[in-house]
PDB file of all heavy atoms in Angstrom:
ATOM      1  N   HIS A   1     -84.162 -43.234-191.126  1.00  0.00           N
ATOM      2  CA  HIS A   1     -82.865 -43.856-191.394  1.00  0.00           C
ATOM      3  C   HIS A   1     -82.119 -44.160-190.097  1.00  0.00           C
ATOM      4  O   HIS A   1     -82.285 -43.474-189.090  1.00  0.00           O
ATOM      5  CB  HIS A   1     -82.014 -42.945-192.281  1.00  0.00           C
ATOM      6  CG  HIS A   1     -82.577 -42.743-193.644  1.00  0.00           C
ATOM      7  ND1 HIS A   1     -82.298 -43.588-194.694  1.00  0.00           N
ATOM      8  CD2 HIS A   1     -83.421 -41.804-194.136  1.00  0.00           C
ATOM      9  CE1 HIS A   1     -82.943 -43.171-195.776  1.00  0.00           C
ATOM     10  NE2 HIS A   1     -83.631 -42.090-195.464  1.00  0.00           N
ATOM     11  N   ALA A   2     -81.276 -45.163-190.169  1.00  0.00           N
ATOM     12  CA  ALA A   2     -80.486 -45.588-189.014  1.00  0.00           C
ATOM     13  C   ALA A   2     -79.401 -44.567-188.699  1.00  0.00           C
ATOM     14  O   ALA A   2     -78.659 -44.141-189.585  1.00  0.00           O
ATOM     15  CB  ALA A   2     -79.851 -46.949-189.294  1.00  0.00           C
ATOM     16  N   ASN A   3     -79.295 -44.194-187.407  1.00  0.00           N
ATOM     17  CA  ASN A   3     -78.244 -43.306-186.957  1.00  0.00           C
ATOM     18  C   ASN A   3     -76.961 -44.098-186.681  1.00  0.00           C
ATOM     19  O   ASN A   3     -76.950 -45.330-186.741  1.00  0.00           O
ATOM     20  CB  ASN A   3     -78.689 -42.556-185.705  1.00  0.00           C
ATOM     21  CG  ASN A   3     -79.776 -41.531-185.998  1.00  0.00           C
ATOM     22  OD1 ASN A   3     -80.146 -41.312-187.150  1.00  0.00           O
ATOM     23  ND2 ASN A   3     -80.286 -40.903-184.952  1.00  0.00           N
ATOM     24  N   ARG A   4     -75.897 -43.376-186.356  1.00  0.00           N
ATOM     25  CA  ARG A   4     -74.588 -44.012-186.182  1.00  0.00           C
ATOM     26  C   ARG A   4     -74.617 -45.184-185.186  1.00  0.00           C
ATOM     27  O   ARG A   4     -74.121 -46.281-185.511  1.00  0.00           O
ATOM     28  CB  ARG A   4     -73.565 -42.959-185.758  1.00  0.00           C
ATOM     29  CG  ARG A   4     -72.122 -43.452-185.760  1.00  0.00           C
ATOM     30  CD  ARG A   4     -71.180 -42.333-185.310  1.00  0.00           C
ATOM     31  NE  ARG A   4     -69.784 -42.707-185.434  1.00  0.00           N
ATOM     32  CZ  ARG A   4     -69.050 -42.499-186.516  1.00  0.00           C
ATOM     33  NH1 ARG A   4     -69.592 -41.914-187.568  1.00  0.00           N
ATOM     34  NH2 ARG A   4     -67.778 -42.876-186.547  1.00  0.00           N
ATOM     35  N   PRO A   5     -75.198 -45.030-183.980  1.00  0.00           N
ATOM     36  CA  PRO A   5     -75.249 -46.194-183.077  1.00  0.00           C
ATOM     37  C   PRO A   5     -76.052 -47.363-183.650  1.00  0.00           C
ATOM     38  O   PRO A   5     -75.734 -48.529-183.373  1.00  0.00           O
ATOM     39  CB  PRO A   5     -75.917 -45.631-181.812  1.00  0.00           C
ATOM     40  CG  PRO A   5     -75.698 -44.164-181.883  1.00  0.00           C
ATOM     41  CD  PRO A   5     -75.747 -43.818-183.339  1.00  0.00           C
ATOM     42  N   ASP A   6     -77.079 -47.067-184.429  1.00  0.00           N
ATOM     43  CA  ASP A   6     -77.875 -48.127-185.049  1.00  0.00           C
ATOM     44  C   ASP A   6     -77.054 -48.872-186.099  1.00  0.00           C
ATOM     45  O   ASP A   6     -77.152 -50.101-186.228  1.00  0.00           O
ATOM     46  CB  ASP A   6     -79.127 -47.538-185.695  1.00  0.00           C
ATOM     47  CG  ASP A   6     -79.909 -46.646-184.750  1.00  0.00           C
ATOM     48  OD1 ASP A   6     -80.025 -47.008-183.566  1.00  0.00           O
ATOM     49  OD2 ASP A   6     -80.385 -45.581-185.181  1.00  0.00           O
ATOM     50  N   LEU A   7     -76.254 -48.136-186.861  1.00  0.00           N
ATOM     51  CA  LEU A   7     -75.374 -48.777-187.836  1.00  0.00           C
ATOM     52  C   LEU A   7     -74.378 -49.685-187.130  1.00  0.00           C
ATOM     53  O   LEU A   7     -74.097 -50.805-187.597  1.00  0.00           O
ATOM     54  CB  LEU A   7     -74.645 -47.719-188.667  1.00  0.00           C
ATOM     55  CG  LEU A   7     -75.522 -46.840-189.570  1.00  0.00           C
ATOM     56  CD1 LEU A   7     -74.683 -45.730-190.212  1.00  0.00           C
ATOM     57  CD2 LEU A   7     -76.209 -47.669-190.653  1.00  0.00           C
ATOM     58  N   GLU A   8     -73.846 -49.227-186.009  1.00  0.00           N
ATOM     59  CA  GLU A   8     -72.919 -50.069-185.245  1.00  0.00           C
ATOM     60  C   GLU A   8     -73.606 -51.351-184.791  1.00  0.00           C
ATOM     61  O   GLU A   8     -72.993 -52.440-184.817  1.00  0.00           O
ATOM     62  CB  GLU A   8     -72.390 -49.289-184.038  1.00  0.00           C
ATOM     63  CG  GLU A   8     -71.479 -48.130-184.408  1.00  0.00           C
ATOM     64  CD  GLU A   8     -71.052 -47.315-183.202  1.00  0.00           C
ATOM     65  OE1 GLU A   8     -71.919 -46.980-182.372  1.00  0.00           O
ATOM     66  OE2 GLU A   8     -69.855 -47.015-183.096  1.00  0.00           O
ATOM     67  N   GLU A   9     -74.865 -51.239-184.378  1.00  0.00           N
ATOM     68  CA  GLU A   9     -75.605 -52.430-183.946  1.00  0.00           C
ATOM     69  C   GLU A   9     -75.791 -53.411-185.100  1.00  0.00           C
ATOM     70  O   GLU A   9     -75.629 -54.632-184.928  1.00  0.00           O
ATOM     71  CB  GLU A   9     -76.960 -52.019-183.366  1.00  0.00           C
ATOM     72  CG  GLU A   9     -77.757 -53.165-182.782  1.00  0.00           C
ATOM     73  CD  GLU A   9     -78.956 -52.698-181.982  1.00  0.00           C
ATOM     74  OE1 GLU A   9     -78.990 -51.522-181.568  1.00  0.00           O
ATOM     75  OE2 GLU A   9     -79.866 -53.529-181.747  1.00  0.00           O
ATOM     76  N   ILE A  10     -76.114 -52.877-186.280  1.00  0.00           N
ATOM     77  CA  ILE A  10     -76.295 -53.733-187.450  1.00  0.00           C
ATOM     78  C   ILE A  10     -74.979 -54.402-187.857  1.00  0.00           C
ATOM     79  O   ILE A  10     -74.946 -55.585-188.204  1.00  0.00           O
ATOM     80  CB  ILE A  10     -76.891 -52.913-188.612  1.00  0.00           C
ATOM     81  CG1 ILE A  10     -78.368 -52.610-188.352  1.00  0.00           C
ATOM     82  CG2 ILE A  10     -76.735 -53.629-189.952  1.00  0.00           C
ATOM     83  CD1 ILE A  10     -79.248 -53.856-188.256  1.00  0.00           C
ATOM     84  N   HIS A  11     -73.882 -53.655-187.794  1.00  0.00           N
ATOM     85  CA  HIS A  11     -72.574 -54.257-188.080  1.00  0.00           C
ATOM     86  C   HIS A  11     -72.324 -55.435-187.140  1.00  0.00           C
ATOM     87  O   HIS A  11     -71.809 -56.485-187.557  1.00  0.00           O
ATOM     88  CB  HIS A  11     -71.459 -53.230-187.896  1.00  0.00           C
ATOM     89  CG  HIS A  11     -71.505 -52.090-188.854  1.00  0.00           C
ATOM     90  ND1 HIS A  11     -70.631 -51.028-188.778  1.00  0.00           N
ATOM     91  CD2 HIS A  11     -72.315 -51.822-189.909  1.00  0.00           C
ATOM     92  CE1 HIS A  11     -70.895 -50.167-189.748  1.00  0.00           C
ATOM     93  NE2 HIS A  11     -71.924 -50.622-190.437  1.00  0.00           N
ATOM     94  N   GLY A  12     -72.684 -55.256-185.869  1.00  0.00           N
ATOM     95  CA  GLY A  12     -72.453 -56.305-184.891  1.00  0.00           C
ATOM     96  C   GLY A  12     -73.328 -57.519-185.090  1.00  0.00           C
ATOM     97  O   GLY A  12     -72.917 -58.648-184.799  1.00  0.00           O
ATOM     98  N   ILE A  13     -74.553 -57.316-185.568  1.00  0.00           N
ATOM     99  CA  ILE A  13     -75.452 -58.455-185.804  1.00  0.00           C
ATOM    100  C   ILE A  13     -75.021 -59.259-187.027  1.00  0.00           C
ATOM    101  O   ILE A  13     -74.920 -60.493-186.978  1.00  0.00           O
ATOM    102  CB  ILE A  13     -76.903 -57.955-185.978  1.00  0.00           C
ATOM    103  CG1 ILE A  13     -77.457 -57.458-184.632  1.00  0.00           C
ATOM    104  CG2 ILE A  13     -77.803 -59.058-186.546  1.00  0.00           C
ATOM    105  CD1 ILE A  13     -78.846 -56.869-184.722  1.00  0.00           C
ATOM    106  N   PHE A  14     -74.752 -58.576-188.133  1.00  0.00           N
ATOM    107  CA  PHE A  14     -74.466 -59.306-189.368  1.00  0.00           C
ATOM    108  C   PHE A  14     -73.004 -59.750-189.477  1.00  0.00           C
ATOM    109  O   PHE A  14     -72.707 -60.693-190.198  1.00  0.00           O
ATOM    110  CB  PHE A  14     -74.851 -58.454-190.582  1.00  0.00           C
ATOM    111  CG  PHE A  14     -76.329 -58.357-190.803  1.00  0.00           C
ATOM    112  CD1 PHE A  14     -77.023 -57.177-190.572  1.00  0.00           C
ATOM    113  CD2 PHE A  14     -77.053 -59.474-191.203  1.00  0.00           C
ATOM    114  CE1 PHE A  14     -78.388 -57.101-190.769  1.00  0.00           C
ATOM    115  CE2 PHE A  14     -78.425 -59.409-191.403  1.00  0.00           C
ATOM    116  CZ  PHE A  14     -79.099 -58.221-191.178  1.00  0.00           C
ATOM    117  N   LYS A  15     -72.103 -59.063-188.773  1.00  0.00           N
ATOM    118  CA  LYS A  15     -70.682 -59.423-188.799  1.00  0.00           C
ATOM    119  C   LYS A  15     -70.204 -59.757-190.221  1.00  0.00           C
ATOM    120  O   LYS A  15     -69.691 -60.852-190.495  1.00  0.00           O
ATOM    121  CB  LYS A  15     -70.407 -60.606-187.866  1.00  0.00           C
ATOM    122  CG  LYS A  15     -70.708 -60.315-186.404  1.00  0.00           C
ATOM    123  CD  LYS A  15     -70.425 -61.529-185.535  1.00  0.00           C
ATOM    124  CE  LYS A  15     -70.570 -61.192-184.060  1.00  0.00           C
ATOM    125  NZ  LYS A  15     -71.943 -60.781-183.694  1.00  0.00           N
ATOM    126  N   PRO A  16     -70.361 -58.834-191.152  1.00  0.00           N
ATOM    127  CA  PRO A  16     -70.028 -59.150-192.547  1.00  0.00           C
ATOM    128  C   PRO A  16     -68.520 -59.260-192.755  1.00  0.00           C
ATOM    129  O   PRO A  16     -67.720 -58.650-192.035  1.00  0.00           O
ATOM    130  CB  PRO A  16     -70.588 -57.935-193.303  1.00  0.00           C
ATOM    131  CG  PRO A  16     -70.474 -56.803-192.320  1.00  0.00           C
ATOM    132  CD  PRO A  16     -70.780 -57.422-190.980  1.00  0.00           C
ATOM    133  N   LYS A  17     -68.158 -60.019-193.782  1.00  0.00           N
ATOM    134  CA  LYS A  17     -66.747 -60.102-194.164  1.00  0.00           C
ATOM    135  C   LYS A  17     -66.274 -58.762-194.716  1.00  0.00           C
ATOM    136  O   LYS A  17     -65.111 -58.382-194.572  1.00  0.00           O
ATOM    137  CB  LYS A  17     -66.554 -61.209-195.202  1.00  0.00           C
ATOM    138  CG  LYS A  17     -65.096 -61.465-195.560  1.00  0.00           C
ATOM    139  CD  LYS A  17     -64.959 -62.566-196.605  1.00  0.00           C
ATOM    140  CE  LYS A  17     -65.267 -63.922-196.005  1.00  0.00           C
ATOM    141  NZ  LYS A  17     -64.945 -65.012-196.986  1.00  0.00           N
ATOM    142  N   MET A  18     -67.197 -58.020-195.360  1.00  0.00           N
ATOM    143  CA  MET A  18     -66.874 -56.702-195.909  1.00  0.00           C
ATOM    144  C   MET A  18     -68.119 -55.837-195.900  1.00  0.00           C
ATOM    145  O   MET A  18     -69.249 -56.356-195.815  1.00  0.00           O
ATOM    146  CB  MET A  18     -66.328 -56.827-197.338  1.00  0.00           C
ATOM    147  CG  MET A  18     -67.320 -57.383-198.335  1.00  0.00           C
ATOM    148  SD  MET A  18     -66.601 -57.716-199.967  1.00  0.00           S
ATOM    149  CE  MET A  18     -65.607 -59.175-199.616  1.00  0.00           C
ATOM    150  N   LEU A  19     -67.925 -54.535-195.998  1.00  0.00           N
ATOM    151  CA  LEU A  19     -69.049 -53.600-196.001  1.00  0.00           C
ATOM    152  C   LEU A  19     -68.902 -52.627-197.164  1.00  0.00           C
ATOM    153  O   LEU A  19     -67.813 -52.108-197.417  1.00  0.00           O
ATOM    154  CB  LEU A  19     -69.119 -52.833-194.676  1.00  0.00           C
ATOM    155  CG  LEU A  19     -70.278 -51.825-194.562  1.00  0.00           C
ATOM    156  CD1 LEU A  19     -70.956 -51.914-193.205  1.00  0.00           C
ATOM    157  CD2 LEU A  19     -69.793 -50.399-194.812  1.00  0.00           C
ATOM    158  N   ILE A  20     -70.013 -52.377-197.854  1.00  0.00           N
ATOM    159  CA  ILE A  20     -70.067 -51.376-198.920  1.00  0.00           C
ATOM    160  C   ILE A  20     -71.064 -50.307-198.498  1.00  0.00           C
ATOM    161  O   ILE A  20     -72.272 -50.547-198.465  1.00  0.00           O
ATOM    162  CB  ILE A  20     -70.496 -51.989-200.272  1.00  0.00           C
ATOM    163  CG1 ILE A  20     -69.674 -53.231-200.609  1.00  0.00           C
ATOM    164  CG2 ILE A  20     -70.381 -50.923-201.370  1.00  0.00           C
ATOM    165  CD1 ILE A  20     -68.192 -52.969-200.768  1.00  0.00           C
ATOM    166  N   PRO A  21     -70.594 -49.110-198.131  1.00  0.00           N
ATOM    167  CA  PRO A  21     -71.538 -48.046-197.794  1.00  0.00           C
ATOM    168  C   PRO A  21     -72.308 -47.601-199.041  1.00  0.00           C
ATOM    169  O   PRO A  21     -71.732 -47.485-200.134  1.00  0.00           O
ATOM    170  CB  PRO A  21     -70.639 -46.914-197.294  1.00  0.00           C
ATOM    171  CG  PRO A  21     -69.296 -47.525-197.060  1.00  0.00           C
ATOM    172  CD  PRO A  21     -69.199 -48.668-198.014  1.00  0.00           C
ATOM    173  N   MET A  22     -73.598 -47.355-198.893  1.00  0.00           N
ATOM    174  CA  MET A  22     -74.404 -46.850-200.014  1.00  0.00           C
ATOM    175  C   MET A  22     -75.375 -45.808-199.483  1.00  0.00           C
ATOM    176  O   MET A  22     -75.456 -45.540-198.294  1.00  0.00           O
ATOM    177  CB  MET A  22     -75.158 -47.978-200.712  1.00  0.00           C
ATOM    178  CG  MET A  22     -76.246 -48.582-199.875  1.00  0.00           C
ATOM    179  SD  MET A  22     -77.451 -49.516-200.817  1.00  0.00           S
ATOM    180  CE  MET A  22     -78.553 -50.054-199.503  1.00  0.00           C
ATOM    181  N   HIS A  23     -76.157 -45.239-200.380  1.00  0.00           N
ATOM    182  CA  HIS A  23     -77.199 -44.272-200.055  1.00  0.00           C
ATOM    183  C   HIS A  23     -76.620 -43.126-199.234  1.00  0.00           C
ATOM    184  O   HIS A  23     -76.932 -42.959-198.060  1.00  0.00           O
ATOM    185  CB  HIS A  23     -78.360 -44.941-199.310  1.00  0.00           C
ATOM    186  CG  HIS A  23     -79.660 -44.164-199.415  1.00  0.00           C
ATOM    187  ND1 HIS A  23     -79.878 -43.007-198.704  1.00  0.00           N
ATOM    188  CD2 HIS A  23     -80.782 -44.371-200.138  1.00  0.00           C
ATOM    189  CE1 HIS A  23     -81.094 -42.542-198.979  1.00  0.00           C
ATOM    190  NE2 HIS A  23     -81.651 -43.356-199.857  1.00  0.00           N
ATOM    191  N   GLY A  24     -75.804 -42.322-199.891  1.00  0.00           N
ATOM    192  CA  GLY A  24     -75.230 -41.168-199.222  1.00  0.00           C
ATOM    193  C   GLY A  24     -74.290 -40.416-200.140  1.00  0.00           C
ATOM    194  O   GLY A  24     -73.822 -40.962-201.147  1.00  0.00           O
ATOM    195  N   GLU A  25     -74.032 -39.164-199.795  1.00  0.00           N
ATOM    196  CA  GLU A  25     -73.007 -38.409-200.493  1.00  0.00           C
ATOM    197  C   GLU A  25     -71.647 -38.996-200.132  1.00  0.00           C
ATOM    198  O   GLU A  25     -71.530 -39.822-199.224  1.00  0.00           O
ATOM    199  CB  GLU A  25     -73.092 -36.939-200.086  1.00  0.00           C
ATOM    200  CG  GLU A  25     -74.423 -36.292-200.452  1.00  0.00           C
ATOM    201  CD  GLU A  25     -74.615 -34.927-199.812  1.00  0.00           C
ATOM    202  OE1 GLU A  25     -73.686 -34.468-199.097  1.00  0.00           O
ATOM    203  OE2 GLU A  25     -75.685 -34.327-200.015  1.00  0.00           O
ATOM    204  N   HIS A  26     -70.604 -38.549-200.837  1.00  0.00           N
ATOM    205  CA  HIS A  26     -69.290 -39.142-200.609  1.00  0.00           C
ATOM    206  C   HIS A  26     -68.872 -39.035-199.147  1.00  0.00           C
ATOM    207  O   HIS A  26     -68.289 -39.974-198.574  1.00  0.00           O
ATOM    208  CB  HIS A  26     -68.238 -38.479-201.511  1.00  0.00           C
ATOM    209  CG  HIS A  26     -66.942 -39.215-201.541  1.00  0.00           C
ATOM    210  ND1 HIS A  26     -65.969 -39.064-200.574  1.00  0.00           N
ATOM    211  CD2 HIS A  26     -66.458 -40.131-202.424  1.00  0.00           C
ATOM    212  CE1 HIS A  26     -64.937 -39.831-200.852  1.00  0.00           C
ATOM    213  NE2 HIS A  26     -65.207 -40.502-201.967  1.00  0.00           N
ATOM    214  N   ARG A  27     -69.193 -37.915-198.508  1.00  0.00           N
ATOM    215  CA  ARG A  27     -68.808 -37.742-197.111  1.00  0.00           C
ATOM    216  C   ARG A  27     -69.510 -38.753-196.208  1.00  0.00           C
ATOM    217  O   ARG A  27     -68.919 -39.220-195.210  1.00  0.00           O
ATOM    218  CB  ARG A  27     -69.103 -36.308-196.646  1.00  0.00           C
ATOM    219  CG  ARG A  27     -70.576 -35.931-196.693  1.00  0.00           C
ATOM    220  CD  ARG A  27     -70.798 -34.428-196.514  1.00  0.00           C
ATOM    221  NE  ARG A  27     -72.197 -34.083-196.614  1.00  0.00           N
ATOM    222  CZ  ARG A  27     -72.990 -33.881-195.566  1.00  0.00           C
ATOM    223  NH1 ARG A  27     -72.489 -33.978-194.340  1.00  0.00           N
ATOM    224  NH2 ARG A  27     -74.254 -33.565-195.727  1.00  0.00           N
ATOM    225  N   HIS A  28     -70.750 -39.119-196.541  1.00  0.00           N
ATOM    226  CA  HIS A  28     -71.449 -40.145-195.772  1.00  0.00           C
ATOM    227  C   HIS A  28     -70.794 -41.511-195.986  1.00  0.00           C
ATOM    228  O   HIS A  28     -70.598 -42.272-195.023  1.00  0.00           O
ATOM    229  CB  HIS A  28     -72.919 -40.224-196.196  1.00  0.00           C
ATOM    230  CG  HIS A  28     -73.709 -38.985-195.949  1.00  0.00           C
ATOM    231  ND1 HIS A  28     -73.821 -37.980-196.883  1.00  0.00           N
ATOM    232  CD2 HIS A  28     -74.440 -38.576-194.882  1.00  0.00           C
ATOM    233  CE1 HIS A  28     -74.586 -37.021-196.413  1.00  0.00           C
ATOM    234  NE2 HIS A  28     -74.967 -37.343-195.193  1.00  0.00           N
ATOM    235  N   LEU A  29     -70.478 -41.818-197.231  1.00  0.00           N
ATOM    236  CA  LEU A  29     -69.863 -43.114-197.531  1.00  0.00           C
ATOM    237  C   LEU A  29     -68.519 -43.244-196.823  1.00  0.00           C
ATOM    238  O   LEU A  29     -68.191 -44.306-196.267  1.00  0.00           O
ATOM    239  CB  LEU A  29     -69.687 -43.279-199.046  1.00  0.00           C
ATOM    240  CG  LEU A  29     -70.932 -43.090-199.928  1.00  0.00           C
ATOM    241  CD1 LEU A  29     -70.597 -43.427-201.379  1.00  0.00           C
ATOM    242  CD2 LEU A  29     -72.097 -43.928-199.440  1.00  0.00           C
TER     243      LEU A  29
END
């Protein structure tokens, strides 16, 4: 699974209008 810096990289590549966190407990989301 992608770690925090990897998630930041993906956010930067896709530049989404919005983000929906999934696949995690509430604290992860």
